[in-house]
């Protein structure tokens, strides 16, 4: 469990994080979302004691990070894939990390194998691609077999196979009862990975809910209906107080679920060729809810995103 209470961080006149409070439950993957400049990286750095809060605090398992004994055994983190000394090999880097936290040496080979770096473990980390560096960072996060894992953009630079692997691996970690907290700009991937969301903007909490609730609250859920008897169906649905838009080939119905539409069609002996709920996406919901918190607007944004 991660708990932030009144977390605030100032850099001179800049208020990066403003009275931020939220909790991250165990046994779930929680996505940490926000526009650029929202304060996500600063918040994660304060979680790990890399930055001191100007006010408030954040605790992991009821303790501040600095109070944890052998912290890698409690918290694993990937914030910057390129922080490894470029002249060190992956194995040497992980061995140094293990020694600093009294982690058995054999664990190094276990995590190297887990992330697929065994064959290149002796090569200089400075020669790694971004995707390989990400895998090394993930190996470091897993080294102490921790109960809490923090990942900042973990799929950055990974190929499709690597993205699928890290998504499934995060789910497995959560299923084992661990706390998994993931910051990412890839909203389509977060929709598949995170069951819970913490969303911030301009350093403040915007929303904390399940991913499903977040999307449902922001998006207009409709039902697409195709039938060879569209005019008759349109009339029946309108009489039942549904809002109906005729696209020519189908009806787009709001204010009524698919079960009720099917019942109305059956009662009127109307044949249906398609009856499919159309739900909003996480990306649409994110743009709608965080639009006022975006720091840099472009000329390509839709009106709904502003």
Protein backbone atom coordinates (compact mmCIF):
# COMPACT_ATOMS: atom_id res chain seq x y z
CA UNK A 1 0.00 0.00 0.00
CA UNK A 2 1.23 3.47 -0.94
CA UNK A 3 -0.35 6.47 0.77
CA UNK A 4 0.29 10.11 -0.12
CA UNK A 5 -1.15 12.78 2.17
CA UNK A 6 -1.04 16.50 1.38
CA UNK A 7 2.05 15.94 -0.76
CA UNK A 8 3.46 19.28 -1.93
CA UNK A 9 6.67 20.21 -3.74
CA UNK A 10 7.93 23.68 -4.64
CA UNK A 11 10.94 24.54 -6.78
CA UNK A 12 11.41 28.25 -6.16
CA UNK A 13 8.25 29.90 -7.42
CA UNK A 14 7.10 26.78 -9.24
CA UNK A 15 4.51 24.60 -7.50
CA UNK A 16 5.14 21.18 -9.03
CA UNK A 17 2.88 19.15 -6.70
CA UNK A 18 0.04 20.78 -4.79
CA UNK A 19 -1.53 19.15 -1.71
CA UNK A 20 -1.78 15.76 -3.43
CA UNK A 21 -3.45 12.89 -1.56
CA UNK A 22 -4.17 9.40 -2.89
CA UNK A 23 -3.69 5.74 -2.05
CA UNK A 24 -2.47 2.82 -4.15
CA UNK A 25 -4.00 -0.54 -3.19
CA UNK A 26 -2.27 -3.91 -3.08
CA UNK A 27 -3.13 -6.65 -5.54
CA UNK A 28 -3.87 -4.33 -8.44
CA UNK A 29 -2.06 -2.49 -11.23
CA UNK A 30 -2.68 1.23 -10.71
CA UNK A 31 -2.00 3.62 -13.57
CA UNK A 32 -0.61 7.07 -12.79
CA UNK A 33 -1.76 9.46 -15.51
CA UNK A 34 -1.48 13.15 -16.24
CA UNK A 35 -0.41 15.57 -18.98
CA UNK A 36 3.24 16.59 -19.38
CA UNK A 37 4.25 18.78 -16.46
CA UNK A 38 1.48 17.42 -14.22
CA UNK A 39 3.94 16.41 -11.48
CA UNK A 40 4.02 12.63 -12.00
CA UNK A 41 7.81 12.23 -12.03
CA UNK A 42 8.23 14.59 -9.08
CA UNK A 43 5.66 12.59 -7.10
CA UNK A 44 7.42 9.31 -7.84
CA UNK A 45 10.78 10.80 -6.86
CA UNK A 46 9.30 11.88 -3.52
CA UNK A 47 7.99 8.35 -3.01
CA UNK A 48 11.56 7.08 -3.30
CA UNK A 49 13.15 9.78 -1.16
CA UNK A 50 14.97 11.31 -4.14
CA UNK A 51 13.18 14.62 -3.54
CA UNK A 52 12.00 15.90 -0.16
CA UNK A 53 8.41 17.18 0.02
CA UNK A 54 7.89 20.85 0.85
CA UNK A 55 4.84 19.69 2.82
CA UNK A 56 2.91 16.48 3.43
CA UNK A 57 4.39 13.02 3.11
CA UNK A 58 4.17 9.71 1.32
CA UNK A 59 4.49 6.32 2.99
CA UNK A 60 5.06 2.85 1.64
CA UNK A 61 3.71 0.14 3.88
CA UNK A 62 3.33 2.76 6.60
CA UNK A 63 6.97 3.89 6.44
CA UNK A 64 8.96 6.61 4.71
CA UNK A 65 11.35 5.24 2.11
CA UNK A 66 14.40 6.42 4.10
CA UNK A 67 13.23 4.38 7.09
CA UNK A 68 13.16 1.10 5.15
CA UNK A 69 15.92 -1.37 5.93
CA UNK A 70 17.36 -2.83 2.72
CA UNK A 71 14.80 -0.85 0.68
CA UNK A 72 15.18 -2.90 -2.51
CA UNK A 73 13.59 -5.80 -0.64
CA UNK A 74 10.46 -3.69 -0.10
CA UNK A 75 10.32 -1.32 -3.09
CA UNK A 76 11.54 -1.88 -6.64
CA UNK A 77 11.56 1.05 -9.04
CA UNK A 78 12.32 1.96 -12.62
CA UNK A 79 12.41 5.73 -13.11
CA UNK A 80 15.24 6.20 -15.62
CA UNK A 81 16.43 3.33 -17.80
CA UNK A 82 19.71 5.10 -18.68
CA UNK A 83 20.99 5.82 -15.16
CA UNK A 84 23.33 2.80 -15.20
CA UNK A 85 27.06 3.54 -15.54
CA UNK A 86 27.74 2.98 -19.27
CA UNK A 87 30.97 1.06 -18.69
CA UNK A 88 29.40 -1.48 -16.35
CA UNK A 89 27.94 -4.72 -17.61
CA UNK A 90 24.38 -5.61 -16.72
CA UNK A 91 25.60 -8.38 -14.44
CA UNK A 92 28.10 -6.11 -12.67
CA UNK A 93 25.46 -3.44 -12.17
CA UNK A 94 22.92 -5.85 -10.69
CA UNK A 95 25.59 -7.53 -8.55
CA UNK A 96 26.48 -4.14 -7.05
CA UNK A 97 22.79 -3.44 -6.34
CA UNK A 98 22.33 -6.87 -4.74
CA UNK A 99 25.38 -6.47 -2.51
CA UNK A 100 24.18 -3.06 -1.29
CA UNK A 101 20.90 -4.57 -0.03
CA UNK A 102 22.12 -7.98 1.12
CA UNK A 103 20.35 -9.79 -1.72
CA UNK A 104 21.72 -13.27 -2.60
CA UNK A 105 24.01 -13.21 -5.62
CA UNK A 106 22.08 -15.95 -7.43
CA UNK A 107 19.14 -13.57 -7.67
CA UNK A 108 21.11 -11.59 -10.27
CA UNK A 109 21.05 -14.45 -12.76
CA UNK A 110 17.38 -15.11 -11.98
CA UNK A 111 16.25 -11.60 -12.91
CA UNK A 112 18.55 -11.46 -15.95
CA UNK A 113 16.86 -14.59 -17.23
CA UNK A 114 13.44 -13.24 -16.30
CA UNK A 115 13.85 -10.14 -18.49
CA UNK A 116 15.65 -11.93 -21.34
CA UNK A 117 19.13 -10.41 -20.92
CA UNK A 118 21.14 -13.51 -20.03
CA UNK A 119 22.98 -13.68 -23.37
CA UNK A 120 24.07 -10.01 -23.19
CA UNK A 121 24.65 -9.80 -19.41
CA UNK A 122 28.41 -9.34 -19.87
CA UNK A 123 28.15 -6.46 -22.36
CA UNK A 124 28.58 -2.79 -21.45
CA UNK A 125 25.27 -1.18 -20.54
CA UNK A 126 26.28 1.89 -22.53
CA UNK A 127 25.94 -0.17 -25.71
CA UNK A 128 22.40 -1.27 -24.94
CA UNK A 129 19.43 -0.12 -27.01
CA UNK A 130 16.65 1.73 -25.20
CA UNK A 131 14.58 -1.45 -25.10
CA UNK A 132 17.46 -3.43 -23.58
CA UNK A 133 18.06 -0.65 -21.05
CA UNK A 134 14.39 -0.81 -20.08
CA UNK A 135 14.70 -4.54 -19.49
CA UNK A 136 17.78 -3.97 -17.34
CA UNK A 137 15.89 -1.35 -15.33
CA UNK A 138 13.02 -3.77 -14.82
CA UNK A 139 15.51 -6.43 -13.70
CA UNK A 140 16.86 -3.98 -11.11
CA UNK A 141 13.34 -3.26 -9.87
CA UNK A 142 12.66 -6.98 -9.44
CA UNK A 143 16.01 -7.78 -7.84
CA UNK A 144 14.88 -7.72 -4.21
CA UNK A 145 11.60 -9.55 -4.95
CA UNK A 146 9.77 -6.50 -3.50
CA UNK A 147 6.14 -6.15 -2.47
CA UNK A 148 5.86 -2.69 -4.07
CA UNK A 149 6.89 -1.82 -7.63
CA UNK A 150 7.05 1.64 -9.22
CA UNK A 151 7.49 1.96 -12.97
CA UNK A 152 7.83 5.20 -14.95
CA UNK A 153 7.17 4.60 -18.67
CA UNK A 154 8.18 0.91 -18.49
CA UNK A 155 7.28 0.05 -22.10
CA UNK A 156 9.25 2.93 -23.61
CA UNK A 157 11.51 1.49 -26.34
CA UNK A 158 10.15 -2.06 -26.07
CA UNK A 159 9.06 -3.99 -29.16
CA UNK A 160 5.51 -5.46 -29.35
CA UNK A 161 6.68 -8.72 -27.78
CA UNK A 162 8.29 -6.80 -24.93
CA UNK A 163 5.19 -4.67 -24.37
CA UNK A 164 2.99 -7.77 -24.16
CA UNK A 165 5.49 -9.38 -21.79
CA UNK A 166 5.62 -6.45 -19.35
CA UNK A 167 1.81 -6.11 -19.42
CA UNK A 168 1.32 -9.78 -18.55
CA UNK A 169 4.11 -9.62 -16.00
CA UNK A 170 2.52 -6.66 -14.19
CA UNK A 171 -0.77 -8.53 -14.04
CA UNK A 172 1.04 -11.53 -12.57
CA UNK A 173 2.74 -9.36 -9.95
CA UNK A 174 -0.60 -7.85 -8.95
CA UNK A 175 -2.21 -11.31 -8.82
CA UNK A 176 0.51 -12.28 -6.33
CA UNK A 177 -0.77 -9.50 -4.05
CA UNK A 178 1.90 -6.90 -4.81
CA UNK A 179 1.37 -3.16 -5.23
CA UNK A 180 2.12 -2.10 -8.83
CA UNK A 181 2.15 1.64 -9.64
CA UNK A 182 2.78 2.58 -13.28
CA UNK A 183 3.16 5.98 -14.92
CA UNK A 184 2.71 6.04 -18.69
CA UNK A 185 1.69 8.26 -21.57
CA UNK A 186 0.56 5.25 -23.65
CA UNK A 187 -3.12 5.39 -22.79
CA UNK A 188 -4.10 2.49 -25.04
CA UNK A 189 -1.63 0.32 -23.14
CA UNK A 190 -2.81 1.60 -19.76
CA UNK A 191 -6.36 0.66 -20.71
CA UNK A 192 -5.17 -2.94 -21.07
CA UNK A 193 -2.84 -2.93 -18.06
CA UNK A 194 -4.30 -0.86 -15.22
CA UNK A 195 -7.49 -1.73 -13.34
CA UNK A 196 -7.19 1.39 -11.14
CA UNK A 197 -6.21 4.96 -12.01
CA UNK A 198 -4.77 7.98 -10.23
CA UNK A 199 -5.05 11.01 -12.53
CA UNK A 200 -3.40 14.35 -11.76
CA UNK A 201 -3.09 17.70 -13.49
CA UNK A 202 -1.07 20.78 -12.53
CA UNK A 203 0.13 18.89 -9.47
CA UNK A 204 -3.36 18.24 -8.12
CA UNK A 205 -5.57 15.16 -7.98
CA UNK A 206 -8.19 15.09 -10.72
CA UNK A 207 -9.58 11.59 -10.22
CA UNK A 208 -9.00 8.29 -8.48
CA UNK A 209 -11.22 5.40 -9.52
CA UNK A 210 -11.29 2.15 -11.41
CA UNK A 211 -10.39 2.44 -15.08
CA UNK A 212 -13.90 1.34 -16.03
CA UNK A 213 -15.52 4.03 -13.87
CA UNK A 214 -13.17 6.72 -15.20
CA UNK A 215 -14.06 5.95 -18.81
CA UNK A 216 -17.78 5.58 -18.13
CA UNK A 217 -17.95 8.90 -16.26
CA UNK A 218 -16.36 10.84 -19.10
CA UNK A 219 -17.59 9.10 -22.23
CA UNK A 220 -21.02 8.94 -23.82
CA UNK A 221 -21.88 5.25 -24.06
CA UNK A 222 -24.08 4.44 -27.06
CA UNK A 223 -25.44 1.38 -28.86
CA UNK A 224 -25.04 0.77 -32.59
CA UNK A 225 -28.05 -0.94 -34.18
CA UNK A 226 -28.38 -2.24 -37.73
CA UNK A 227 -31.66 -3.52 -39.13
CA UNK A 228 -33.42 -3.85 -42.51
CA UNK A 229 -36.30 -1.96 -40.84
CA UNK A 230 -34.45 1.12 -39.57
CA UNK A 231 -37.29 3.68 -39.97
CA UNK A 232 -39.71 1.51 -37.96
CA UNK A 233 -37.11 0.83 -35.29
CA UNK A 234 -36.22 4.54 -35.12
CA UNK A 235 -39.87 5.35 -34.45
CA UNK A 236 -40.20 2.69 -31.75
CA UNK A 237 -37.05 3.82 -29.92
CA UNK A 238 -37.99 7.51 -30.11
CA UNK A 239 -41.40 6.71 -28.62
CA UNK A 240 -39.55 4.96 -25.74
CA UNK A 241 -37.62 8.22 -25.06
CA UNK A 242 -34.28 7.03 -26.45
CA UNK A 243 -32.03 9.53 -28.21
CA UNK A 244 -31.48 8.24 -31.74
CA UNK A 245 -29.15 9.37 -34.53
CA UNK A 246 -29.58 7.81 -37.99
CA UNK A 247 -26.22 7.44 -39.73
CA UNK A 248 -27.83 5.99 -42.86
CA UNK A 249 -26.61 2.44 -42.36
CA UNK A 250 -27.29 2.17 -38.62
CA UNK A 251 -28.89 3.87 -35.65
CA UNK A 252 -26.71 5.25 -32.85
CA UNK A 253 -28.78 5.08 -29.68
CA UNK A 254 -28.04 6.76 -26.35
CA UNK A 255 -30.01 6.79 -23.13
CA UNK A 256 -30.93 3.10 -23.47
CA UNK A 257 -28.95 -0.11 -23.10
CA UNK A 258 -28.74 -2.91 -25.65
CA UNK A 259 -31.02 -5.26 -23.68
CA UNK A 260 -33.88 -2.74 -23.69
CA UNK A 261 -33.38 -1.99 -27.40
CA UNK A 262 -33.57 -5.71 -28.18
CA UNK A 263 -36.78 -6.06 -26.18
CA UNK A 264 -38.40 -3.14 -28.03
CA UNK A 265 -37.37 -4.58 -31.40
CA UNK A 266 -38.68 -8.04 -30.50
CA UNK A 267 -42.01 -6.65 -29.32
CA UNK A 268 -42.42 -4.84 -32.65
CA UNK A 269 -41.30 -7.88 -34.70
CA UNK A 270 -38.30 -5.92 -36.03
CA UNK A 271 -35.31 -7.90 -37.29
CA UNK A 272 -31.89 -6.87 -35.96
CA UNK A 273 -28.62 -7.47 -37.79
CA UNK A 274 -26.39 -5.79 -35.18
CA UNK A 275 -26.78 -4.66 -31.60
CA UNK A 276 -23.42 -3.58 -30.19
CA UNK A 277 -22.57 -1.28 -27.27
CA UNK A 278 -20.13 1.49 -28.22
CA UNK A 279 -18.07 2.44 -25.18
CA UNK A 280 -15.66 5.36 -24.96
CA UNK A 281 -11.89 4.88 -24.79
CA UNK A 282 -9.49 5.76 -22.00
CA UNK A 283 -7.83 8.23 -24.35
CA UNK A 284 -11.12 10.06 -24.98
CA UNK A 285 -11.92 10.15 -21.28
CA UNK A 286 -8.42 11.36 -20.41
CA UNK A 287 -8.52 14.18 -22.96
CA UNK A 288 -11.95 15.28 -21.79
CA UNK A 289 -11.17 15.26 -18.07
CA UNK A 290 -7.62 16.64 -18.18
CA UNK A 291 -8.11 19.18 -20.98
CA UNK A 292 -7.92 22.19 -18.66
CA UNK A 293 -4.68 20.86 -17.11
CA UNK A 294 -2.68 20.55 -20.32
CA UNK A 295 0.35 22.82 -20.14
CA UNK A 296 1.14 23.09 -23.86
CA UNK A 297 -1.73 23.13 -26.35
CA UNK A 298 -1.21 22.49 -30.07
CA UNK A 299 -3.25 23.58 -33.04
CA UNK A 300 -4.24 19.97 -33.74
CA UNK A 301 -6.35 19.42 -30.64
CA UNK A 302 -10.05 18.74 -30.89
CA UNK A 303 -12.43 21.18 -29.19
CA UNK A 304 -13.34 18.49 -26.62
CA UNK A 305 -9.72 18.28 -25.53
CA UNK A 306 -9.43 22.00 -24.75
